[in-house]
Protein backbone atom coordinates (compact mmCIF):
# COMPACT_ATOMS: atom_id res chain seq x y z
CA MET A 1 0.18 0.05 -0.07
CA PRO A 2 1.35 2.95 -1.20
CA PRO A 3 2.50 5.89 1.88
CA LYS A 4 -0.18 8.62 2.01
CA THR A 5 0.50 12.46 0.78
CA ILE A 6 1.32 15.04 3.32
CA SER A 7 1.51 18.36 2.41
CA ALA A 8 2.65 21.45 4.01
CA TRP A 9 3.39 24.57 3.16
CA THR A 10 5.93 26.65 4.53
CA HIS A 11 6.41 30.70 4.02
CA GLU A 12 10.14 30.00 3.87
CA ASP A 13 11.35 30.88 0.22
CA ALA A 14 12.41 27.83 -1.59
CA ASN A 15 15.66 29.32 -2.03
CA SER A 16 16.49 30.10 1.74
CA PRO A 17 18.02 28.39 4.54
CA ALA A 18 15.76 27.35 6.29
CA PHE A 19 13.67 25.58 3.56
CA ASP A 20 16.71 23.62 2.87
CA VAL A 21 16.37 23.12 7.15
CA LEU A 22 12.44 22.09 6.64
CA ARG A 23 12.77 19.66 3.00
CA LYS A 24 16.15 18.11 5.39
CA ALA A 25 13.69 16.93 8.05
CA ALA A 26 10.98 15.72 5.36
CA SER A 27 13.09 13.77 3.95
CA THR A 28 14.29 12.21 7.25
CA PHE A 29 11.43 11.34 8.51
CA ASN A 30 10.02 9.89 4.60
CA ARG A 31 12.71 7.74 5.51
CA ARG A 32 11.70 6.11 9.04
CA GLN A 33 8.60 5.43 8.07
CA HIS A 34 6.27 4.09 4.97
CA GLY A 35 2.92 5.13 6.61
CA TYR A 36 2.99 9.08 5.07
CA LYS A 37 4.92 11.24 2.24
CA VAL A 38 5.88 14.81 3.48
CA ASP A 39 5.59 16.75 0.62
CA ILE A 40 6.56 20.82 1.44
CA LYS A 41 6.03 23.56 -0.78
CA SER A 42 7.44 27.08 -0.31
CA SER A 43 3.90 29.20 0.60
CA HIS A 44 5.63 33.00 0.40
CA ARG A 45 3.41 35.13 -0.07
CA ARG A 46 3.22 39.15 1.65
CA ASN A 47 -0.66 39.01 1.80
CA TYR A 48 -0.65 35.56 3.62
CA GLU A 49 -3.97 35.53 5.74
CA GLY A 50 -5.85 36.66 1.39
CA TRP A 51 -3.64 34.62 0.08
CA VAL A 52 -5.02 31.51 3.08
CA ARG A 53 -8.84 32.83 2.24
CA THR A 54 -8.62 32.30 -1.29
CA GLU A 55 -6.97 28.80 -1.36
CA ALA A 56 -10.01 27.97 1.89
CA ALA A 57 -12.48 28.74 -0.33
CA SER A 58 -11.17 26.54 -4.26
CA GLY A 59 -10.56 23.59 -1.10
CA THR A 60 -7.14 23.92 -1.61
CA LEU A 61 -5.41 23.92 1.54
CA PRO A 62 -2.73 21.66 2.58
CA CYS A 63 -2.46 19.03 5.01
CA LEU A 64 -0.15 21.29 7.23
CA LEU A 65 -0.21 25.00 7.19
CA GLU A 66 2.78 26.88 8.59
CA PHE A 67 1.72 30.50 9.25
CA ASP A 68 2.48 33.86 12.22
CA GLY A 69 0.81 33.78 15.14
CA PRO A 70 -1.19 36.36 15.12
CA TYR A 71 -3.04 34.87 12.39
CA LEU A 72 -4.26 31.62 13.98
CA GLN A 73 -8.36 33.57 15.85
CA MET A 74 -8.48 34.71 11.49
CA PHE A 75 -7.86 31.16 10.39
CA ALA A 76 -9.18 29.20 13.53
CA TRP A 77 -12.53 31.31 13.55
CA PRO A 78 -13.69 30.61 9.44
CA GLN A 79 -12.27 26.56 10.82
CA PHE A 80 -10.47 26.63 8.25
CA LEU A 81 -7.69 24.57 11.09
CA GLN A 82 -8.22 21.64 13.32
CA PRO A 83 -7.77 21.65 17.08
CA ILE A 84 -4.83 19.28 17.51
CA ASP A 85 -4.74 18.96 21.22
CA PRO A 86 -6.29 15.21 20.69
CA PHE A 87 -2.80 14.09 19.32
CA ILE A 88 -1.07 16.08 22.43
CA PRO A 89 0.43 13.27 24.39
CA PRO A 90 0.49 13.84 28.28
CA GLY A 91 3.57 16.15 29.23
CA PHE A 92 4.02 17.27 25.79
CA LEU A 93 4.16 20.54 26.40
CA SER A 94 5.89 21.03 29.77
CA ASP A 95 8.96 21.28 27.85
CA PHE A 96 7.69 23.91 25.45
CA LEU A 97 8.03 28.47 26.58
CA PRO A 98 3.97 29.08 27.64
CA SER A 99 4.74 31.48 24.90
CA VAL A 100 4.50 29.20 22.55
CA VAL A 101 1.67 27.26 23.65
CA ALA A 102 -0.49 30.50 24.73
CA GLN A 103 0.05 31.93 21.05
CA GLY A 104 -1.62 28.31 19.59
CA ILE A 105 -4.63 28.31 22.06
CA TYR A 106 -8.53 29.64 20.37
CA GLN A 107 -11.41 29.70 22.83
CA GLY A 108 -9.35 26.59 25.28
CA ARG A 109 -8.61 24.51 22.13
CA LEU A 110 -5.02 24.00 20.80
CA TYR A 111 -4.77 24.79 16.83
CA SER A 112 -0.73 25.04 16.80
CA LEU A 113 2.72 24.73 17.77
CA GLY A 114 5.66 26.46 16.67
CA GLN A 115 9.78 25.29 16.81
CA TYR A 116 10.49 28.98 17.63
CA ASP A 117 9.57 32.13 19.13
CA SER A 118 11.21 35.72 18.52
CA GLY A 119 12.72 39.00 20.15
CA VAL A 120 12.62 41.98 19.68
CA GLY A 121 16.21 44.34 20.74
CA LEU A 122 18.40 47.07 20.10
CA TRP A 123 21.14 46.08 18.55
CA GLY A 124 24.44 47.89 19.30
CA ASN A 125 27.70 49.33 18.05
CA ARG A 126 29.89 48.85 20.51
CA ARG A 127 32.35 50.99 19.04
CA TYR A 128 30.14 53.68 18.95
CA LEU A 129 28.65 53.12 22.78
CA ARG A 130 32.11 53.77 23.97
CA ALA A 131 32.74 57.18 21.51
CA ALA A 132 29.47 58.75 22.69
CA GLY A 133 30.34 57.90 26.64
CA VAL A 134 26.90 55.60 26.37
CA ARG A 135 26.65 53.49 28.78
CA ILE A 136 25.11 50.09 27.99
CA PRO A 137 22.50 48.75 29.22
CA THR A 138 21.00 45.67 30.99
CA LEU A 139 17.50 43.84 31.17
CA ASP A 140 18.21 44.86 35.71
CA ALA A 141 18.86 48.83 34.17
CA PRO A 142 17.78 49.14 31.16
CA TRP A 143 17.45 52.95 29.66
CA SER A 144 14.78 55.50 30.47
CA LEU A 145 13.16 57.38 28.42
CA LYS A 146 15.57 60.49 29.23
CA GLU A 147 18.53 58.54 29.19
CA PHE A 148 17.70 56.70 25.55
CA GLU A 149 16.94 60.64 24.26
CA GLN A 150 20.64 61.49 25.87
CA ALA A 151 21.95 58.72 24.02
CA LEU A 152 20.38 59.87 20.71
CA ALA A 153 21.72 62.76 20.97
CA ARG A 154 25.55 61.67 21.98
CA LEU A 155 25.31 59.13 18.94
CA THR A 156 24.47 60.90 16.64
CA ALA A 157 27.09 63.59 17.74
CA LEU A 158 29.34 61.37 16.23
CA GLU A 159 31.38 61.62 13.51
CA GLU A 160 31.51 58.40 11.99
CA VAL A 161 28.33 58.18 12.12
CA ASP A 162 25.42 59.67 10.00
CA TYR A 163 22.45 58.69 12.40
CA ALA A 164 22.44 57.26 15.32
CA ILE A 165 19.70 54.63 15.07
CA SER A 166 17.97 52.71 12.63
CA PHE A 167 13.89 51.25 13.13
CA ALA A 168 14.24 49.81 9.82
CA VAL A 169 11.22 51.49 8.29
CA TYR A 170 12.37 50.73 4.57
CA ALA A 171 10.50 47.32 5.64
CA ARG A 172 7.15 49.31 5.69
CA SER A 173 4.76 45.57 5.62
CA ASP A 174 1.82 45.14 7.81
CA GLU A 175 4.08 43.35 10.34
CA PHE A 176 6.97 44.00 10.85
CA TYR A 177 5.04 48.04 11.99
CA SER A 178 2.75 46.04 14.03
CA TYR A 179 4.87 43.91 15.37
CA VAL A 180 8.56 45.90 15.96
CA TYR A 181 6.56 49.60 17.52
CA ALA A 182 4.45 48.21 19.75
CA PRO A 183 6.42 47.72 22.35
CA ILE A 184 7.04 51.85 22.02
CA LEU A 185 3.77 51.76 22.57
CA GLN A 186 3.30 49.78 25.52
CA GLY A 187 5.93 51.37 26.96
CA PHE A 188 4.20 54.24 26.95
CA GLY A 189 1.35 52.65 28.40
CA GLY A 190 -1.00 52.62 25.14
CA ASP A 191 -1.99 49.14 23.22
CA LEU A 192 -3.06 48.21 19.51
CA LEU A 193 -6.06 47.20 21.27
CA ASP A 194 -7.63 47.15 24.01
CA ARG A 195 -7.26 43.70 25.47
CA ARG A 196 -10.02 44.00 27.99
CA ARG A 197 -13.24 44.93 25.81
CA GLY A 198 -11.24 44.73 22.33
CA ARG A 199 -12.06 47.73 21.38
CA ALA A 200 -9.00 49.96 19.38
CA LYS A 201 -11.11 53.60 20.22
CA GLY A 202 -9.49 54.78 23.74
CA THR A 203 -6.56 52.88 23.51
CA LEU A 204 -4.93 52.83 20.00
CA ASP A 205 -5.46 56.66 20.27
CA GLY A 206 -5.93 57.27 23.40
CA PRO A 207 -2.80 59.48 25.19
CA GLN A 208 -0.21 57.05 26.52
CA SER A 209 -0.02 55.44 22.74
CA VAL A 210 -0.36 58.84 20.77
CA ALA A 211 2.54 60.02 23.16
CA ALA A 212 4.58 57.29 21.92
CA MET A 213 4.26 57.99 18.65
CA GLN A 214 4.75 62.27 19.33
CA TYR A 215 8.04 60.76 20.33
CA PHE A 216 9.11 58.93 17.42
CA GLN A 217 7.90 61.44 14.66
CA ARG A 218 10.55 63.94 17.83
CA TRP A 219 13.21 61.31 17.23
CA LEU A 220 12.50 61.89 12.53
CA GLU A 221 12.08 65.60 13.39
CA LYS A 222 15.27 65.82 15.59
CA GLY A 223 17.09 64.06 13.02
CA TRP A 224 18.59 60.80 15.47
CA THR A 225 16.79 58.74 12.79
CA GLN A 226 15.73 59.01 9.56
CA ALA A 227 13.47 57.56 7.42
CA ILE A 228 15.63 56.03 4.76
CA PHE A 229 13.53 53.98 1.98
CA ASP A 230 15.43 53.69 -0.74
CA ARG A 231 18.06 50.74 1.17
CA GLN A 232 18.16 47.85 3.21
CA ASP A 233 20.05 48.57 6.82
CA ASP A 234 22.29 51.03 8.02
CA PHE A 235 23.17 49.65 11.02
CA ASP A 236 25.75 47.23 9.24
CA GLN A 237 27.00 49.46 6.80
CA GLY A 238 27.61 51.83 10.41
CA LYS A 239 25.91 54.47 9.35
CA ALA A 240 23.90 54.41 12.29
CA ALA A 241 25.10 52.59 15.75
CA LEU A 242 21.67 51.79 17.17
CA SER A 243 18.85 49.01 15.73
CA TRP A 244 15.40 48.83 17.00
CA ASN A 245 15.10 44.73 15.08
CA GLY A 246 14.77 41.50 16.07
CA HIS A 247 16.46 38.31 16.29
CA TRP A 248 16.47 38.12 12.69
CA THR A 249 18.86 40.26 12.09
CA TYR A 250 21.80 38.39 14.13
CA GLY A 251 22.99 37.07 11.18
CA ASN A 252 24.27 39.97 9.37
CA TYR A 253 25.14 41.97 11.60
CA HIS A 254 27.33 39.80 13.30
CA LYS A 255 28.76 38.95 10.04
CA SER A 256 29.63 43.07 9.40
CA LEU A 257 30.18 44.83 13.53
CA GLY A 258 31.49 41.32 14.47
CA LYS A 259 32.98 41.62 17.87
CA ASP A 260 31.44 45.03 18.01
CA LEU A 261 27.74 43.94 17.58
CA VAL A 262 25.56 44.49 22.01
CA LEU A 263 22.67 43.31 22.13
CA MET A 264 20.61 45.38 24.92
CA PRO A 265 17.72 45.05 25.75
CA LEU A 266 15.03 47.99 25.14
CA PRO A 267 14.08 51.17 26.84
CA ASP A 268 11.60 51.01 29.80
CA PHE A 269 9.30 53.96 28.72
CA GLY A 270 7.51 54.31 32.06
CA ALA A 271 5.56 51.51 32.00
CA GLY A 272 8.14 48.48 31.76
CA LEU A 273 10.06 47.20 29.75
CA LYS A 274 8.09 45.04 26.94
CA THR A 275 9.26 43.33 24.58
CA GLY A 276 6.80 41.43 21.39
CA MET A 277 6.39 37.84 21.37
CA GLY A 278 5.26 35.07 19.20
CA SER A 279 6.22 34.04 15.68
CA TRP A 280 5.54 31.15 12.43
CA THR A 281 3.54 27.96 13.79
CA TRP A 282 2.21 25.00 12.75
CA GLY A 283 -2.02 23.91 11.85
CA ILE A 284 -4.13 21.70 11.17
CA THR A 285 -5.98 22.05 8.55
CA SER A 286 -9.71 21.21 8.56
CA THR A 287 -9.95 19.23 5.40
CA CYS A 288 -6.65 17.47 6.10
CA HIS A 289 -7.33 14.03 5.05
CA ALA A 290 -4.79 12.77 7.02
CA PRO A 291 -4.26 14.40 10.36
CA ALA A 292 -2.63 11.30 12.36
CA GLY A 293 0.23 11.22 9.74
CA ALA A 294 0.33 15.63 9.63
CA TRP A 295 0.94 15.48 13.44
CA ALA A 296 3.37 12.59 13.27
CA PHE A 297 5.46 14.78 10.96
CA LEU A 298 4.59 17.93 12.84
CA ALA A 299 6.07 15.89 16.50
CA TYR A 300 9.22 15.02 14.42
CA LEU A 301 10.17 19.17 13.79
CA LEU A 302 9.18 19.67 17.31
CA THR A 303 11.76 17.97 18.96
CA SER A 304 14.71 19.97 20.85
CA GLY A 305 17.39 18.36 17.31
CA GLU A 306 14.98 19.80 14.84
CA MET A 307 14.47 23.22 16.39
CA LEU A 308 18.04 23.89 16.99
CA HIS A 309 18.71 22.63 13.29
CA MET A 310 15.75 25.48 12.08
CA THR A 311 17.44 28.30 14.73
CA ASN A 312 21.09 27.58 14.47
CA VAL A 313 19.44 29.18 10.75
CA ASN A 314 17.25 31.65 11.21
CA GLY A 315 18.93 32.88 14.75
CA ALA A 316 14.96 32.78 16.12
CA MET A 317 14.40 31.48 19.36
CA PRO A 318 13.82 27.69 20.24
CA ALA A 319 10.38 27.10 21.38
CA ARG A 320 11.38 23.98 23.99
CA ARG A 321 13.87 25.09 27.02
CA SER A 322 15.35 21.50 26.17
CA ALA A 323 16.47 23.51 23.11
CA ILE A 324 17.38 26.45 24.20
CA ALA A 325 19.91 25.17 26.67
CA ARG A 326 21.59 23.24 23.82
CA SER A 327 21.18 26.14 21.77
CA PRO A 328 25.27 27.59 21.07
CA LEU A 329 22.88 30.92 20.30
CA TYR A 330 20.43 31.45 23.33
CA GLY A 331 22.02 29.26 25.69
CA ALA A 332 23.77 29.66 28.44
CA ARG A 333 26.95 31.70 26.91
CA GLY A 334 24.89 32.66 23.79
CA PRO A 335 25.28 35.81 22.08
CA LEU A 336 21.18 36.48 21.96
CA ARG A 337 20.07 34.93 25.57
CA MET A 338 18.58 38.55 26.02
CA PHE A 339 16.38 37.50 23.68
CA ALA A 340 14.78 35.17 26.11
CA GLN A 341 15.46 36.39 28.84
CA GLN A 342 13.67 40.06 28.15
CA LEU A 343 10.79 37.47 26.93
CA ALA A 344 10.31 35.83 30.29
CA VAL A 345 9.62 39.28 31.98
CA ALA A 346 8.51 41.29 29.40
CA GLY A 347 6.40 39.52 26.90
CA VAL A 348 3.97 41.31 25.42
CA PRO A 349 1.37 39.04 22.56
CA ARG A 350 0.13 39.99 19.99
CA PRO A 351 -4.01 40.64 20.13
CA ALA A 352 -5.69 37.58 19.90
CA THR A 353 -8.89 38.54 17.77
CA PRO A 354 -9.37 37.43 14.37
CA ALA A 355 -9.81 41.69 13.57
CA TYR A 356 -5.67 41.14 13.64
CA ALA A 357 -4.73 41.69 10.33
CA THR A 358 -7.09 45.40 10.16
CA ILE A 359 -5.61 46.23 13.70
CA SER A 360 -2.09 45.28 11.93
CA ARG A 361 -2.52 47.13 8.33
CA SER A 362 -3.92 50.41 9.86
CA PHE A 363 -1.06 50.51 12.00
CA ARG A 364 1.23 50.62 9.27
CA ASP A 365 -0.85 53.19 7.45
CA ALA A 366 -1.16 55.85 10.31
CA THR A 367 2.77 55.06 11.35
CA ASP A 368 3.00 55.61 7.81
CA HIS A 369 1.51 58.66 7.25
CA ILE A 370 3.50 59.48 11.11
CA ILE A 371 6.77 59.05 9.68
CA ALA A 372 5.60 62.00 6.37
CA GLY A 373 4.71 64.33 9.17
CA GLY A 374 0.98 64.27 10.06
CA ASP A 375 -0.33 64.23 13.20
CA VAL A 376 -0.20 62.12 15.06
CA GLN A 377 -3.86 61.96 17.21
CA SER A 378 -5.52 62.05 13.71
CA GLU A 379 -3.55 58.93 12.31
CA LEU A 380 -4.74 56.79 15.42
CA SER A 381 -7.99 58.33 16.19
CA LYS A 382 -8.15 56.95 11.89
CA ALA A 383 -7.14 53.36 12.89
CA ALA A 384 -9.13 52.91 15.17
CA GLU A 385 -12.12 53.64 13.92
CA ILE A 386 -11.55 51.62 10.86
CA ILE A 387 -10.21 48.90 13.07
CA ASP A 388 -13.25 48.66 15.30
CA ARG A 389 -15.41 48.54 12.02
CA ASP A 390 -14.47 45.94 11.43
CA ILE A 391 -14.95 44.46 14.51
CA ALA A 392 -18.76 45.65 14.97
CA GLU A 393 -18.97 44.27 11.10
CA HIS A 394 -18.48 40.34 12.92
CA ARG A 395 -20.28 40.83 16.26
CA ASP A 396 -19.42 37.34 16.15
CA PHE A 397 -15.51 37.76 15.95
CA PRO A 398 -14.53 36.33 19.10
CA TYR A 399 -11.88 38.61 22.17
CA PRO A 400 -10.66 37.59 24.30
């Protein structure tokens, strides 16, 4: 009897090292058993949510689907996915980071698990920090708002740099802005959404969020950061002294800066240290013809060994504590250990709602206009209205 084919779609580009890791994992899995044959395909799309909805409508979703964590509710709500908790053996989840488990839960059921979590940090050029006389912050003593601005002023004054900090505005994607910039809002006491009411009005455009983005605009106006869209990154080129960005930049940064690269926690802007969390995860679709086989492969991907194969390539944080302990990047002396430590004390999940795509897109548009000099209060209020209208039009959007 021929093996059943399990189609698995990943967001990784087919030419990327991460895709090669998944391809090798599928090949090994296929050799070790004969009941199933996993077929890995790249589903690299910019508008991922819309693309999945199109595939679901045509009945062409795969058995295993990889998607970004906050999209879980958007895919589970219309029943594109099936719960995976019936497959979970006792004690299986005890080794996983709580954040990874939490992002996979929808209405009390577990729908997804991923190989890794993420981190947003403050990358620094040690040589520039030393030249400007700027203290290197720690988790126990992060920069305050005042100290952060003092550092930006001193670093911008260095002849060697064009400006102090890159916020990677060139990325411009919905998800990048909402993930990487949300800690700025939250650090001031604001947020993308009121987590209790499930509404944006009064929170996204509330005084704390408005103050956060006014400061962001102030940093642009003072020349401490710049809105540069025609090149990828000024930090690894030595044109900026700091970079507000994620774990995925480590490979390029380390290659460019070597021992001068230092990873630091985000500042405490007054409401406590905050950082983003959550990342790409795997779920079994409701139309999968062999869910047991899909789970068998997913369980293999979730072993510590496969997690390390992936995270050693993409720089992400392994989803299991046992894998973190063995990781050359996140272990006791790993260069990215701070990401794991910061996540444990300051991680804030993205809003768990099927309206998340609207939240992400609306905040991206508002941020674009703020960068261009638009009125902060007006732009955030427009975004809040769009988000709340979408939620109101879908009264059965469950929240939280």
